[in-house]
């Protein structure tokens, strides 16, 4: 018995020593990671010695059917990031793509050609259009192939964008540079705002590319530099009292919290789906990947301001914040006001007071659905290309209740529709969420009630997507599918069990 107790004592000590050893090794590994993945901070370090490149407005023609026709070619390219040229991808050029622009009521046709070495897609992020034209993972374009989506623009004026959406490869393709803006105008809109593209109305596509072995690397989550429209350290000459910045977070994983260096306010006038009901003055604007915001900056003659991203509030625990870029800061874009500035229109008190009506009537909801985000799953399931996770009836108004249970940063993006945020954990949404949205950052343990109406397009065979727009998470399966059907119609693809 004494011998057994002695042996047990030795065994217990060995276990304790082993656990302590593993603990020390783990702590050491975490310490190394803590240093290696420490905060990135370029504030005050950027020279701003390159004039901001403005993506050209895409040329278009009107065909015999009256459609506005664009041409987009996905191709390989090169970009000089100061250490020599690196391999990139772009649309109609080396990196990013031209700005497409069309009016509400117009029918558009986009001739897409793929000259890349692998299959890809072009998704029209935020656009209301038929599922077969959406450009999701079901509309792949093979190398050397073409695709000709066509649809009618029918939604409020807004800033949208386009990017690839191949299942399992979206992060890689977007990180390499495949993205561009798609601006929608509404001739019936009566609000006067800065609108001279490239002069007082500037596209600001923010990316954070990483480079490895002479190429932009899509496998890493965060870069240590930011580009605006493919320009590093850019400045923009401003010739008017007000300048409109169309901010787009084009990074695959990084969240930005945009502010001005002197603490003066940004006046937010628009979000994903169009103008806000009224202007909103804020010290900063947070954008997760895929989100857009339109802001106005007022300058005095001869003044210089810097748009920067301060450490973003991600609504997560300390470790999740640290390793998700929550302590990173960047100087992004310098604005240089001329010595004499042209007058700008007075900012109205109201912008689009009725815009949220496009999402439907909150008193006439047909169905409420719950979406739980955790790990790389939504409602405990991962993406399956041949299944419909949800089946929606055309014309229905629904509330989607989305909650992040994962202990890490997630976002939620819905294809085809723009939604209205009814509440955030039972509370009235803040002013920046008062307009229409298609993408929203979900904070830990918080429930977002999203109102949306499914109009115009039913297709029982072709699904739309909903997913986390942190592209690594999307690629790892954090995505689902829904089909829109006519009343009484059955979906043509299998439904998940328990639907």
Protein backbone atom coordinates (compact mmCIF):
# COMPACT_ATOMS: atom_id res chain seq x y z
CA UNK A 1 0.00 0.00 0.00
CA UNK A 2 2.86 2.36 0.88
CA UNK A 3 4.52 1.56 -2.44
CA UNK A 4 1.30 2.27 -4.34
CA UNK A 5 0.93 5.62 -2.52
CA UNK A 6 4.53 6.43 -3.36
CA UNK A 7 4.04 5.58 -7.02
CA UNK A 8 0.83 7.60 -7.09
CA UNK A 9 2.64 10.56 -5.51
CA UNK A 10 5.38 10.39 -8.15
CA UNK A 11 2.79 10.14 -10.93
CA UNK A 12 0.86 13.11 -9.54
CA UNK A 13 4.04 15.22 -9.42
CA UNK A 14 4.87 14.29 -12.99
CA UNK A 15 1.37 15.33 -14.08
CA UNK A 16 1.70 18.65 -12.24
CA UNK A 17 5.12 19.26 -13.80
CA UNK A 18 3.73 18.38 -17.22
CA UNK A 19 0.76 20.70 -16.84
CA UNK A 20 3.04 23.50 -15.63
CA UNK A 21 5.35 22.88 -18.58
CA UNK A 22 2.51 23.01 -21.06
CA UNK A 23 1.21 26.12 -19.34
CA UNK A 24 4.60 27.81 -19.56
CA UNK A 25 4.95 26.83 -23.21
CA UNK A 26 1.46 28.11 -23.93
CA UNK A 27 2.14 31.34 -22.08
CA UNK A 28 5.39 31.70 -23.98
CA UNK A 29 3.65 31.10 -27.28
CA UNK A 30 0.96 33.62 -26.38
CA UNK A 31 3.64 36.08 -25.36
CA UNK A 32 5.44 35.68 -28.67
CA UNK A 33 2.13 36.03 -30.52
CA UNK A 34 1.30 39.09 -28.41
CA UNK A 35 4.49 40.78 -29.58
CA UNK A 36 4.40 39.49 -33.16
CA UNK A 37 0.73 40.42 -33.57
CA UNK A 38 0.99 43.63 -31.59
CA UNK A 39 -0.91 46.75 -32.59
CA UNK A 40 -0.06 48.45 -35.88
CA UNK A 41 0.13 52.23 -35.66
CA UNK A 42 0.98 54.52 -38.60
CA UNK A 43 -0.47 57.71 -37.09
CA UNK A 44 1.98 60.55 -37.70
CA UNK A 45 4.24 58.31 -39.80
CA UNK A 46 2.67 58.71 -43.26
CA UNK A 47 4.25 61.21 -45.67
CA UNK A 48 1.18 61.79 -47.86
CA UNK A 49 3.34 62.36 -50.92
CA UNK A 50 1.16 60.82 -53.65
CA UNK A 51 -1.96 62.38 -55.14
CA UNK A 52 -5.06 60.26 -54.63
CA UNK A 53 -5.93 58.17 -57.67
CA UNK A 54 -9.61 58.49 -58.59
CA UNK A 55 -10.98 55.32 -60.22
CA UNK A 56 -12.28 56.30 -63.67
CA UNK A 57 -15.98 56.23 -64.37
CA UNK A 58 -16.58 53.14 -66.49
CA UNK A 59 -17.42 53.88 -70.08
CA UNK A 60 -20.82 52.65 -71.22
CA UNK A 61 -22.96 52.50 -74.34
CA UNK A 62 -26.70 52.19 -74.96
CA UNK A 63 -27.63 49.10 -76.96
CA UNK A 64 -30.57 48.56 -79.32
CA UNK A 65 -32.75 47.48 -76.39
CA UNK A 66 -32.03 50.70 -74.50
CA UNK A 67 -29.80 49.01 -71.94
CA UNK A 68 -26.74 50.73 -70.48
CA UNK A 69 -23.86 48.38 -71.29
CA UNK A 70 -20.61 48.13 -69.31
CA UNK A 71 -17.50 46.02 -69.96
CA UNK A 72 -15.55 44.44 -67.08
CA UNK A 73 -12.51 42.20 -67.46
CA UNK A 74 -10.93 40.47 -64.49
CA UNK A 75 -7.20 40.35 -65.19
CA UNK A 76 -3.76 39.97 -63.69
CA UNK A 77 -1.71 43.09 -62.95
CA UNK A 78 1.07 44.73 -60.94
CA UNK A 79 1.16 47.38 -58.21
CA UNK A 80 4.16 49.32 -56.88
CA UNK A 81 4.01 49.47 -53.08
CA UNK A 82 7.37 51.17 -52.64
CA UNK A 83 9.49 48.02 -52.55
CA UNK A 84 8.99 47.17 -56.20
CA UNK A 85 6.03 45.89 -58.18
CA UNK A 86 3.95 43.04 -56.76
CA UNK A 87 1.48 40.79 -58.56
CA UNK A 88 -2.17 41.81 -58.22
CA UNK A 89 -5.57 41.28 -59.83
CA UNK A 90 -7.98 43.97 -61.00
CA UNK A 91 -10.92 44.81 -63.23
CA UNK A 92 -9.95 46.59 -66.47
CA UNK A 93 -6.59 47.36 -64.88
CA UNK A 94 -3.94 46.31 -62.40
CA UNK A 95 -5.74 46.81 -59.06
CA UNK A 96 -9.39 47.48 -58.17
CA UNK A 97 -11.69 48.54 -61.00
CA UNK A 98 -13.58 51.45 -62.57
CA UNK A 99 -16.62 53.03 -60.95
CA UNK A 100 -19.84 51.90 -62.59
CA UNK A 101 -22.64 54.47 -62.47
CA UNK A 102 -26.29 54.13 -63.46
CA UNK A 103 -29.67 55.75 -62.73
CA UNK A 104 -32.75 54.35 -61.12
CA UNK A 105 -35.07 53.02 -63.81
CA UNK A 106 -32.27 52.12 -66.20
CA UNK A 107 -31.72 48.56 -67.38
CA UNK A 108 -28.03 47.65 -67.28
CA UNK A 109 -26.03 44.91 -68.94
CA UNK A 110 -22.49 44.07 -67.83
CA UNK A 111 -20.26 42.04 -70.14
CA UNK A 112 -17.95 40.23 -67.71
CA UNK A 113 -14.84 38.47 -69.02
CA UNK A 114 -12.50 36.36 -66.88
CA UNK A 115 -8.84 36.48 -67.94
CA UNK A 116 -7.58 35.15 -64.60
CA UNK A 117 -5.92 31.74 -64.23
CA UNK A 118 -8.87 30.44 -62.18
CA UNK A 119 -12.65 30.70 -62.05
CA UNK A 120 -14.24 33.64 -60.26
CA UNK A 121 -17.48 35.62 -60.03
CA UNK A 122 -18.66 39.22 -59.85
CA UNK A 123 -21.18 39.91 -57.07
CA UNK A 124 -23.12 43.21 -57.06
CA UNK A 125 -23.00 43.87 -53.32
CA UNK A 126 -26.12 45.66 -52.05
CA UNK A 127 -27.97 45.45 -55.38
CA UNK A 128 -31.64 44.45 -55.66
CA UNK A 129 -31.73 42.07 -58.63
CA UNK A 130 -32.70 38.53 -59.71
CA UNK A 131 -30.81 35.72 -58.00
CA UNK A 132 -29.42 34.46 -61.31
CA UNK A 133 -27.77 37.88 -61.84
CA UNK A 134 -26.43 38.23 -58.28
CA UNK A 135 -22.93 36.93 -58.98
CA UNK A 136 -22.72 34.63 -55.99
CA UNK A 137 -20.98 31.25 -55.91
CA UNK A 138 -23.55 29.75 -58.29
CA UNK A 139 -22.56 32.09 -61.15
CA UNK A 140 -18.92 31.10 -61.64
CA UNK A 141 -17.07 32.34 -64.72
CA UNK A 142 -14.36 29.97 -65.91
CA UNK A 143 -10.94 31.21 -67.15
CA UNK A 144 -11.45 32.63 -70.62
CA UNK A 145 -15.21 32.61 -70.09
CA UNK A 146 -17.83 35.36 -70.11
CA UNK A 147 -21.03 36.21 -68.25
CA UNK A 148 -23.67 38.78 -69.21
CA UNK A 149 -25.95 39.67 -66.28
CA UNK A 150 -28.72 42.19 -66.94
CA UNK A 151 -31.27 43.79 -64.61
CA UNK A 152 -33.21 47.00 -63.97
CA UNK A 153 -31.99 49.44 -61.32
CA UNK A 154 -34.82 49.98 -58.85
CA UNK A 155 -33.64 51.23 -55.47
CA UNK A 156 -32.70 54.56 -53.85
CA UNK A 157 -29.56 56.43 -54.83
CA UNK A 158 -26.61 54.97 -52.97
CA UNK A 159 -23.01 53.75 -53.00
CA UNK A 160 -22.71 50.02 -53.76
CA UNK A 161 -19.73 47.93 -54.82
CA UNK A 162 -18.81 44.83 -56.77
CA UNK A 163 -16.38 42.04 -55.89
CA UNK A 164 -15.84 38.27 -56.43
CA UNK A 165 -17.80 35.66 -54.49
CA UNK A 166 -16.34 32.18 -55.25
CA UNK A 167 -17.13 29.75 -52.45
CA UNK A 168 -13.99 29.12 -50.38
CA UNK A 169 -11.88 31.63 -52.35
CA UNK A 170 -13.53 35.01 -51.80
CA UNK A 171 -10.88 36.33 -49.38
CA UNK A 172 -8.06 35.51 -51.79
CA UNK A 173 -9.75 37.13 -54.79
CA UNK A 174 -10.81 40.32 -52.98
CA UNK A 175 -7.44 40.69 -51.24
CA UNK A 176 -5.63 40.54 -54.59
CA UNK A 177 -7.56 43.64 -55.68
CA UNK A 178 -10.79 42.59 -57.37
CA UNK A 179 -13.27 45.28 -56.30
CA UNK A 180 -14.87 48.51 -57.45
CA UNK A 181 -17.68 50.95 -56.71
CA UNK A 182 -21.13 50.97 -58.28
CA UNK A 183 -22.88 54.32 -57.72
CA UNK A 184 -26.64 54.56 -58.18
CA UNK A 185 -28.35 57.89 -58.89
CA UNK A 186 -32.02 58.76 -58.60
CA UNK A 187 -33.21 61.56 -60.94
CA UNK A 188 -36.24 62.09 -58.69
CA UNK A 189 -34.14 62.87 -55.61
CA UNK A 190 -34.43 66.55 -54.65
CA UNK A 191 -31.54 66.81 -52.16
CA UNK A 192 -28.63 69.00 -53.28
CA UNK A 193 -25.29 67.57 -52.18
CA UNK A 194 -21.69 67.68 -53.45
CA UNK A 195 -21.85 65.50 -56.57
CA UNK A 196 -18.99 66.38 -58.93
CA UNK A 197 -17.25 62.99 -59.11
CA UNK A 198 -13.53 63.25 -58.37
CA UNK A 199 -13.80 66.93 -57.36
CA UNK A 200 -16.09 67.37 -54.35
CA UNK A 201 -17.45 63.81 -54.42
CA UNK A 202 -14.61 61.36 -53.82
CA UNK A 203 -14.63 57.56 -53.83
CA UNK A 204 -12.54 56.27 -50.90
CA UNK A 205 -11.94 52.51 -51.20
CA UNK A 206 -9.81 51.47 -48.22
CA UNK A 207 -7.83 48.22 -48.38
CA UNK A 208 -4.99 46.72 -46.34
CA UNK A 209 -3.05 44.40 -48.67
CA UNK A 210 -0.38 42.05 -47.40
CA UNK A 211 2.55 41.06 -49.58
CA UNK A 212 4.47 37.80 -49.66
CA UNK A 213 6.92 36.52 -52.28
CA UNK A 214 6.28 39.39 -54.66
CA UNK A 215 2.48 39.13 -54.71
CA UNK A 216 -0.48 40.43 -52.76
CA UNK A 217 -1.22 37.60 -50.34
CA UNK A 218 -4.85 36.73 -49.73
CA UNK A 219 -4.10 34.18 -47.02
CA UNK A 220 -3.23 36.63 -44.25
CA UNK A 221 -5.96 38.39 -42.33
CA UNK A 222 -4.49 41.86 -41.71
CA UNK A 223 -2.03 44.07 -43.54
CA UNK A 224 0.26 46.60 -41.87
CA UNK A 225 -0.51 49.36 -44.38
CA UNK A 226 -3.65 50.85 -45.91
CA UNK A 227 -4.28 51.99 -49.46
CA UNK A 228 -6.98 54.33 -50.74
CA UNK A 229 -8.06 53.50 -54.30
CA UNK A 230 -4.77 51.59 -54.56
CA UNK A 231 -2.74 54.65 -53.44
CA UNK A 232 -0.44 54.55 -50.41
CA UNK A 233 0.04 57.79 -48.47
CA UNK A 234 -2.49 59.72 -50.61
CA UNK A 235 -3.51 63.35 -50.50
CA UNK A 236 -6.51 64.95 -52.20
CA UNK A 237 -6.67 68.58 -53.29
CA UNK A 238 -9.98 70.10 -52.18
CA UNK A 239 -11.40 73.12 -54.01
CA UNK A 240 -14.83 73.40 -52.35
CA UNK A 241 -16.05 74.19 -48.83
CA UNK A 242 -17.58 70.74 -48.45
CA UNK A 243 -16.15 67.48 -49.73
CA UNK A 244 -18.18 64.27 -49.87
CA UNK A 245 -16.29 61.07 -49.10
CA UNK A 246 -17.87 57.79 -50.20
CA UNK A 247 -16.17 55.46 -47.72
CA UNK A 248 -15.97 51.77 -48.58
CA UNK A 249 -14.26 49.21 -46.37
CA UNK A 250 -12.82 46.94 -49.07
CA UNK A 251 -10.59 44.98 -46.70
CA UNK A 252 -11.33 41.28 -46.26
CA UNK A 253 -11.11 41.21 -42.44
CA UNK A 254 -10.24 44.59 -40.93
CA UNK A 255 -12.69 46.94 -39.19
CA UNK A 256 -12.01 50.69 -39.45
CA UNK A 257 -13.14 53.55 -37.19
CA UNK A 258 -12.77 56.65 -39.35
CA UNK A 259 -12.24 60.07 -37.75
CA UNK A 260 -10.46 63.37 -38.41
CA UNK A 261 -7.10 64.14 -36.85
CA UNK A 262 -8.22 67.34 -35.11
CA UNK A 263 -11.37 65.80 -33.62
CA UNK A 264 -13.71 67.87 -35.78
CA UNK A 265 -16.91 66.08 -36.76
CA UNK A 266 -17.70 63.95 -39.75
CA UNK A 267 -21.23 64.55 -40.96
CA UNK A 268 -22.65 61.19 -42.05
CA UNK A 269 -25.28 61.51 -44.76
CA UNK A 270 -25.54 57.95 -46.08
CA UNK A 271 -25.08 54.28 -45.26
CA UNK A 272 -25.18 51.02 -47.25
CA UNK A 273 -28.62 51.49 -48.82
CA UNK A 274 -28.76 55.24 -49.43
CA UNK A 275 -29.09 58.56 -47.66
CA UNK A 276 -29.93 58.68 -43.96
CA UNK A 277 -33.25 60.23 -42.94
CA UNK A 278 -31.26 63.22 -41.63
CA UNK A 279 -27.59 64.23 -41.37
CA UNK A 280 -25.76 62.75 -38.39
CA UNK A 281 -22.76 64.51 -36.86
CA UNK A 282 -20.24 62.12 -35.30
CA UNK A 283 -16.64 62.14 -34.12
CA UNK A 284 -16.06 58.78 -35.84
CA UNK A 285 -17.69 56.28 -38.21
CA UNK A 286 -17.12 52.53 -37.80
CA UNK A 287 -17.15 50.34 -40.91
CA UNK A 288 -16.72 46.57 -41.00
CA UNK A 289 -15.74 44.79 -44.25
CA UNK A 290 -18.26 45.50 -47.00
CA UNK A 291 -19.99 48.42 -45.24
CA UNK A 292 -20.21 51.87 -46.78
CA UNK A 293 -20.83 55.36 -45.42
CA UNK A 294 -21.06 58.74 -47.08
CA UNK A 295 -19.66 61.61 -45.00
CA UNK A 296 -19.16 65.33 -45.49
CA UNK A 297 -16.08 67.22 -44.33
CA UNK A 298 -16.09 71.02 -44.11
CA UNK A 299 -12.76 72.77 -44.70
CA UNK A 300 -11.45 76.30 -44.34
CA UNK A 301 -9.20 77.86 -47.02
CA UNK A 302 -5.63 76.61 -46.74
CA UNK A 303 -6.55 74.03 -44.10
CA UNK A 304 -5.17 70.47 -43.99
CA UNK A 305 -6.98 67.55 -42.37
CA UNK A 306 -6.13 63.88 -42.07
CA UNK A 307 -8.70 61.12 -42.25
CA UNK A 308 -7.49 58.35 -40.00
CA UNK A 309 -8.73 55.10 -38.52
CA UNK A 310 -8.49 55.07 -34.75
CA UNK A 311 -8.59 51.84 -32.72
CA UNK A 312 -12.08 50.48 -33.45
CA UNK A 313 -14.58 49.41 -30.82
CA UNK A 314 -15.43 45.85 -31.91
CA UNK A 315 -17.80 45.03 -29.05
CA UNK A 316 -15.80 41.95 -28.04
CA UNK A 317 -13.68 40.76 -25.13
CA UNK A 318 -10.14 42.08 -24.68
CA UNK A 319 -8.32 39.19 -26.40
CA UNK A 320 -10.74 39.12 -29.33
CA UNK A 321 -10.31 42.87 -29.75
CA UNK A 322 -6.52 42.66 -29.65
CA UNK A 323 -6.15 39.86 -32.18
CA UNK A 324 -8.84 41.29 -34.49
CA UNK A 325 -7.11 44.63 -35.09
CA UNK A 326 -9.02 46.40 -32.33
CA UNK A 327 -5.94 48.36 -31.22
CA UNK A 328 -4.60 49.24 -34.69
CA UNK A 329 -4.48 52.85 -35.95
CA UNK A 330 -3.79 54.23 -39.41
CA UNK A 331 -3.41 57.56 -41.12
CA UNK A 332 -5.51 57.07 -44.25
CA UNK A 333 -5.98 60.20 -46.41
CA UNK A 334 -4.86 63.82 -46.26
CA UNK A 335 -7.27 66.54 -47.41
CA UNK A 336 -5.61 69.77 -48.59
CA UNK A 337 -7.89 72.79 -48.98
CA UNK A 338 -7.01 75.38 -51.60
CA UNK A 339 -6.41 78.99 -50.56
CA UNK A 340 -9.75 79.88 -52.12
CA UNK A 341 -12.72 77.52 -51.92
CA UNK A 342 -15.84 77.47 -54.05
CA UNK A 343 -19.17 77.65 -52.26
CA UNK A 344 -20.94 74.39 -51.46
CA UNK A 345 -24.69 73.81 -51.11
CA UNK A 346 -26.22 74.28 -47.69
CA UNK A 347 -26.76 70.98 -45.92
CA UNK A 348 -30.52 70.34 -45.56
CA UNK A 349 -32.07 69.33 -42.24
CA UNK A 350 -33.68 66.30 -43.88
CA UNK A 351 -32.17 63.97 -46.48
CA UNK A 352 -34.43 60.96 -47.08
CA UNK A 353 -37.01 60.89 -44.27
CA UNK A 354 -39.03 58.08 -45.88
CA UNK A 355 -36.16 55.84 -46.98
CA UNK A 356 -36.73 53.15 -44.35
CA UNK A 357 -40.20 52.52 -45.80
CA UNK A 358 -38.44 50.53 -48.55
CA UNK A 359 -37.73 47.83 -45.94
CA UNK A 360 -41.43 47.30 -45.24
CA UNK A 361 -44.03 47.99 -42.57
CA UNK A 362 -42.92 46.82 -39.09
CA UNK A 363 -46.57 46.45 -38.07
CA UNK A 364 -47.26 43.94 -40.87
CA UNK A 365 -44.58 41.28 -40.40
CA UNK A 366 -45.28 37.87 -41.95
CA UNK A 367 -42.51 35.92 -40.24
CA UNK A 368 -39.68 36.19 -37.71
CA UNK A 369 -36.51 34.12 -38.20
CA UNK A 370 -33.59 33.67 -35.79
CA UNK A 371 -29.94 33.51 -36.83
CA UNK A 372 -27.29 32.48 -34.30
CA UNK A 373 -23.69 33.15 -35.29
CA UNK A 374 -20.99 31.08 -33.60
CA UNK A 375 -17.62 29.73 -34.67
CA UNK A 376 -17.94 29.26 -38.42
CA UNK A 377 -21.61 28.34 -38.35
CA UNK A 378 -24.97 30.05 -38.63
CA UNK A 379 -27.75 28.26 -36.78
CA UNK A 380 -25.38 25.35 -36.22
CA UNK A 381 -24.83 24.72 -39.92
CA UNK A 382 -22.21 25.49 -42.52
CA UNK A 383 -22.61 26.42 -46.17
CA UNK A 384 -23.94 23.70 -48.48
CA UNK A 385 -24.21 24.65 -52.14
CA UNK A 386 -27.05 22.22 -52.87
CA UNK A 387 -29.36 23.13 -49.97
CA UNK A 388 -31.72 25.98 -49.13
CA UNK A 389 -31.41 26.94 -45.49
CA UNK A 390 -34.42 29.25 -45.67
CA UNK A 391 -37.40 29.57 -48.03
CA UNK A 392 -39.01 33.02 -48.34
CA UNK A 393 -42.32 33.89 -49.99
CA UNK A 394 -42.30 36.70 -52.54
CA UNK A 395 -43.79 39.88 -51.15
CA UNK A 396 -43.42 38.90 -47.50
CA UNK A 397 -42.06 41.26 -44.88
CA UNK A 398 -39.87 39.51 -42.33
CA UNK A 399 -37.83 40.25 -39.22
CA UNK A 400 -34.48 38.48 -38.97
CA UNK A 401 -33.15 38.38 -35.42
CA UNK A 402 -29.36 38.03 -35.55
CA UNK A 403 -27.22 37.32 -32.47
CA UNK A 404 -23.46 36.82 -32.23
CA UNK A 405 -22.71 34.02 -29.75
CA UNK A 406 -19.19 33.31 -30.96
CA UNK A 407 -16.89 35.30 -28.68
CA UNK A 408 -15.27 36.89 -31.75
CA UNK A 409 -15.96 39.49 -34.41
CA UNK A 410 -18.67 38.61 -36.95
CA UNK A 411 -20.76 40.59 -39.41
CA UNK A 412 -24.04 39.75 -41.14
CA UNK A 413 -24.72 40.50 -44.82
CA UNK A 414 -27.89 39.69 -46.77
CA UNK A 415 -28.00 39.58 -50.57
CA UNK A 416 -30.77 41.21 -52.68
CA UNK A 417 -32.48 43.25 -49.94
CA UNK A 418 -31.70 46.34 -47.92
CA UNK A 419 -32.89 46.04 -44.32
CA UNK A 420 -33.93 48.43 -41.59
CA UNK A 421 -32.46 47.98 -38.11
CA UNK A 422 -35.50 47.98 -35.83
CA UNK A 423 -33.62 47.54 -32.56
CA UNK A 424 -30.26 46.72 -31.03
CA UNK A 425 -30.78 44.55 -27.95
CA UNK A 426 -34.25 45.99 -27.59
CA UNK A 427 -33.09 49.59 -27.85
CA UNK A 428 -33.64 52.19 -30.57
CA UNK A 429 -30.77 51.96 -33.09
CA UNK A 430 -28.20 54.77 -33.06
CA UNK A 431 -28.41 57.47 -35.79
CA UNK A 432 -25.77 55.80 -37.98
CA UNK A 433 -28.08 52.77 -38.25
CA UNK A 434 -31.20 54.83 -39.01
CA UNK A 435 -31.09 54.27 -42.77
CA UNK A 436 -31.05 51.18 -44.98
CA UNK A 437 -28.34 48.57 -44.52
CA UNK A 438 -27.18 45.35 -46.11
CA UNK A 439 -24.22 44.59 -43.81
CA UNK A 440 -23.89 45.07 -40.05
CA UNK A 441 -21.22 44.34 -37.46
CA UNK A 442 -22.64 42.11 -34.71
CA UNK A 443 -21.27 42.64 -31.22
CA UNK A 444 -20.96 39.77 -28.76
CA UNK A 445 -24.26 38.71 -27.19
CA UNK A 446 -26.24 41.52 -28.85
CA UNK A 447 -29.45 40.79 -30.81
CA UNK A 448 -30.20 42.86 -33.92
CA UNK A 449 -33.77 42.88 -35.27
CA UNK A 450 -33.62 43.47 -39.02
CA UNK A 451 -36.72 44.29 -41.08
CA UNK A 452 -36.78 43.42 -44.79
CA UNK A 453 -39.27 42.84 -47.61
CA UNK A 454 -38.68 40.47 -50.52
CA UNK A 455 -40.07 42.03 -53.67
CA UNK A 456 -39.93 41.58 -57.45
CA UNK A 457 -37.94 38.40 -57.95
CA UNK A 458 -38.83 34.77 -57.27
CA UNK A 459 -36.68 31.85 -58.39
CA UNK A 460 -37.18 28.46 -56.74
CA UNK A 461 -33.95 27.08 -58.23
CA UNK A 462 -31.36 29.83 -57.68
CA UNK A 463 -30.55 31.00 -54.12
CA UNK A 464 -29.30 34.21 -52.59
CA UNK A 465 -26.71 34.22 -49.79
CA UNK A 466 -26.53 35.48 -46.23
CA UNK A 467 -23.18 35.28 -44.46
CA UNK A 468 -20.49 36.78 -42.29
CA UNK A 469 -18.67 39.34 -44.42
CA UNK A 470 -15.35 38.73 -42.68
CA UNK A 471 -14.21 36.89 -45.78
CA UNK A 472 -12.08 34.25 -44.07
CA UNK A 473 -15.12 33.28 -42.00
CA UNK A 474 -17.28 33.19 -45.12
CA UNK A 475 -14.75 30.98 -46.90
CA UNK A 476 -14.68 28.63 -43.90
CA UNK A 477 -18.39 28.01 -44.21
CA UNK A 478 -20.12 30.80 -42.27
CA UNK A 479 -22.75 31.27 -44.95
CA UNK A 480 -26.27 30.12 -45.73
CA UNK A 481 -28.68 30.24 -48.67
CA UNK A 482 -32.28 31.31 -49.13
CA UNK A 483 -34.60 31.04 -52.09
CA UNK A 484 -37.56 33.31 -52.84
CA UNK A 485 -40.66 31.49 -54.14
CA UNK A 486 -44.16 32.44 -55.25
CA UNK A 487 -47.03 31.79 -52.82
CA UNK A 488 -47.55 28.03 -52.68
CA UNK A 489 -44.49 27.25 -54.80
CA UNK A 490 -41.97 24.63 -53.67
CA UNK A 491 -38.21 25.26 -53.86
CA UNK A 492 -36.38 23.39 -56.62
CA UNK A 493 -33.37 22.71 -54.39
CA UNK A 494 -33.44 20.61 -51.22
CA UNK A 495 -34.28 22.23 -47.92
CA UNK A 496 -32.31 21.63 -44.74
CA UNK A 497 -33.98 19.23 -42.33
CA UNK A 498 -36.07 20.98 -39.74
CA UNK A 499 -37.02 23.87 -42.03
